[in-house]
Amino acid sequence: MAPTTRFRWFWWLVAYLALALGVIGIVLPVVPTVPFILLAAFAAARGSQRLHHRLLSHPRLGPMITDWQAHGALRRRAKWLATVMMLLAAALLLWLAPHLWIPLVASSIMTVVCIWLWLRPEPPTDPEPTAATAPPPD
């Protein structure tokens, strides 16, 4: 997609800001990583082709971004990891929060996100070549 030069700086800024928040989310369990990385890829495609290429070629992030861009899909491992991290964050909030309403509100939001996450499709697996799709023998 060819970005307009008028808004290219805006998309560049959004891409790097989202990437920074995604990296912070790797360390802090209450900051989501995946949505910020996907936002960074979306914005980088419009503002920084170099960053977009680096994200797509990253060994950990690249397949996730490609699955999302091609199919709107998330891998099952990512869904499980996100679910477990949300459960740990909810337990931590319940233990440390000064008021009960804080973990209740946060847990409610995490529950909605978790439901949405599990409703997303999984990327298609590459099927084994069948006789119809296999190349003919020499």
Protein backbone atom coordinates (compact mmCIF):
# COMPACT_ATOMS: atom_id res chain seq x y z
CA MET A 1 0.00 0.00 0.00
CA ALA A 2 1.48 3.32 -1.03
CA PRO A 3 1.10 5.75 1.87
CA THR A 4 0.32 9.35 1.19
CA THR A 5 3.25 11.53 2.13
CA ARG A 6 0.87 13.84 3.94
CA PHE A 7 0.11 11.32 6.71
CA ARG A 8 3.25 9.18 6.47
CA TRP A 9 4.84 10.81 9.53
CA PHE A 10 1.65 10.11 11.53
CA TRP A 11 1.68 6.40 10.62
CA TRP A 12 5.42 6.25 11.35
CA LEU A 13 4.82 7.71 14.80
CA VAL A 14 1.90 5.34 15.52
CA ALA A 15 3.98 2.35 14.37
CA TYR A 16 6.90 3.08 16.67
CA LEU A 17 4.68 4.03 19.61
CA ALA A 18 2.65 0.81 19.24
CA LEU A 19 5.85 -1.22 18.92
CA ALA A 20 7.22 0.36 22.10
CA LEU A 21 3.99 -0.43 23.98
CA GLY A 22 4.07 -4.00 22.63
CA VAL A 23 7.63 -4.48 23.87
CA ILE A 24 6.63 -3.08 27.28
CA GLY A 25 3.74 -5.58 27.25
CA ILE A 26 6.22 -8.45 27.04
CA VAL A 27 7.49 -7.51 30.50
CA LEU A 28 4.33 -6.13 32.14
CA PRO A 29 1.44 -8.59 32.25
CA VAL A 30 -1.27 -5.90 32.33
CA VAL A 31 -0.20 -4.35 28.99
CA PRO A 32 -1.31 -6.42 25.98
CA THR A 33 1.45 -7.32 23.54
CA VAL A 34 -0.32 -8.81 20.52
CA PRO A 35 -2.73 -5.93 19.75
CA PHE A 36 0.08 -3.38 19.90
CA ILE A 37 2.35 -5.45 17.65
CA LEU A 38 -0.48 -5.88 15.13
CA LEU A 39 -1.18 -2.14 15.28
CA ALA A 40 2.53 -1.48 14.75
CA ALA A 41 2.53 -3.68 11.64
CA PHE A 42 -0.62 -1.98 10.31
CA ALA A 43 0.80 1.49 10.84
CA ALA A 44 4.27 0.55 9.58
CA ALA A 45 2.77 -0.64 6.31
CA ARG A 46 1.55 2.93 5.84
CA GLY A 47 4.44 4.87 7.34
CA SER A 48 7.68 2.87 7.33
CA GLN A 49 8.29 0.12 4.82
CA ARG A 50 11.61 -0.65 6.52
CA LEU A 51 9.93 -1.26 9.91
CA HIS A 52 7.13 -3.24 8.25
CA HIS A 53 9.67 -5.49 6.55
CA ARG A 54 11.59 -5.93 9.83
CA LEU A 55 8.39 -6.90 11.67
CA LEU A 56 7.36 -9.40 8.98
CA SER A 57 10.81 -10.99 8.90
CA HIS A 58 11.11 -11.25 12.70
CA PRO A 59 11.26 -14.94 13.70
CA ARG A 60 8.69 -14.62 16.53
CA LEU A 61 6.49 -11.73 15.42
CA GLY A 62 6.49 -12.28 11.66
CA PRO A 63 4.33 -15.43 11.53
CA MET A 64 1.77 -13.90 13.92
CA ILE A 65 1.51 -10.74 11.82
CA THR A 66 1.29 -12.71 8.58
CA ASP A 67 -1.46 -14.96 9.97
CA TRP A 68 -3.43 -11.91 11.08
CA GLN A 69 -3.00 -10.02 7.81
CA ALA A 70 -3.84 -13.02 5.63
CA HIS A 71 -6.66 -14.64 7.62
CA GLY A 72 -7.51 -12.50 10.67
CA ALA A 73 -6.33 -15.54 12.59
CA LEU A 74 -4.36 -16.26 15.75
CA ARG A 75 -2.52 -19.48 16.56
CA ARG A 76 -3.79 -21.64 19.38
CA ARG A 77 -0.52 -21.32 21.28
CA ALA A 78 -0.88 -17.52 21.29
CA LYS A 79 -4.46 -17.83 22.53
CA TRP A 80 -3.42 -20.08 25.40
CA LEU A 81 -0.48 -17.86 26.31
CA ALA A 82 -2.69 -14.75 26.35
CA THR A 83 -5.34 -16.52 28.44
CA VAL A 84 -2.82 -17.72 31.02
CA MET A 85 -1.22 -14.27 31.24
CA MET A 86 -4.64 -12.64 31.74
CA LEU A 87 -5.44 -15.13 34.51
CA LEU A 88 -2.11 -14.37 36.21
CA ALA A 89 -2.71 -10.63 35.87
CA ALA A 90 -6.23 -11.00 37.33
CA ALA A 91 -4.89 -13.03 40.26
CA LEU A 92 -2.15 -10.47 40.86
CA LEU A 93 -4.67 -7.62 40.78
CA LEU A 94 -6.99 -9.46 43.16
CA TRP A 95 -4.12 -9.94 45.58
CA LEU A 96 -2.57 -6.46 45.35
CA ALA A 97 -5.39 -4.04 44.49
CA PRO A 98 -6.42 -1.72 47.31
CA HIS A 99 -10.11 -1.84 46.30
CA LEU A 100 -12.16 -4.80 45.10
CA TRP A 101 -13.71 -2.89 42.19
CA ILE A 102 -10.30 -2.59 40.47
CA PRO A 103 -9.73 -6.33 39.88
CA LEU A 104 -13.43 -6.81 39.13
CA VAL A 105 -13.42 -4.20 36.35
CA ALA A 106 -10.07 -5.38 34.99
CA SER A 107 -11.14 -9.03 35.09
CA SER A 108 -14.37 -8.19 33.29
CA ILE A 109 -12.44 -6.48 30.51
CA MET A 110 -9.99 -9.37 30.31
CA THR A 111 -12.89 -11.82 30.12
CA VAL A 112 -14.38 -9.97 27.14
CA VAL A 113 -10.96 -9.87 25.45
CA CYS A 114 -10.45 -13.57 26.14
CA ILE A 115 -13.83 -14.47 24.63
CA TRP A 116 -13.07 -12.37 21.55
CA LEU A 117 -9.64 -14.00 21.30
CA TRP A 118 -11.02 -17.54 21.35
CA LEU A 119 -13.66 -16.62 18.76
CA ARG A 120 -10.93 -15.65 16.28
CA PRO A 121 -10.13 -18.35 13.71
CA GLU A 122 -6.89 -20.25 13.68
CA PRO A 123 -4.65 -20.04 10.62
CA PRO A 124 -5.06 -22.86 8.11
CA THR A 125 -2.51 -25.62 8.34
CA ASP A 126 -0.63 -26.65 5.24
CA PRO A 127 -2.17 -29.95 4.18
CA GLU A 128 -0.03 -32.84 3.06
CA PRO A 129 0.14 -33.01 -0.74
CA THR A 130 -2.43 -35.41 -2.13
CA ALA A 131 -2.30 -37.33 -5.38
CA ALA A 132 -4.31 -34.55 -7.05
CA THR A 133 -1.98 -31.75 -5.89
CA ALA A 134 1.32 -33.66 -5.88
CA PRO A 135 3.63 -33.08 -8.82
CA PRO A 136 3.59 -35.89 -11.35
CA PRO A 137 6.48 -38.38 -11.14
CA ASP A 138 9.26 -38.05 -13.72
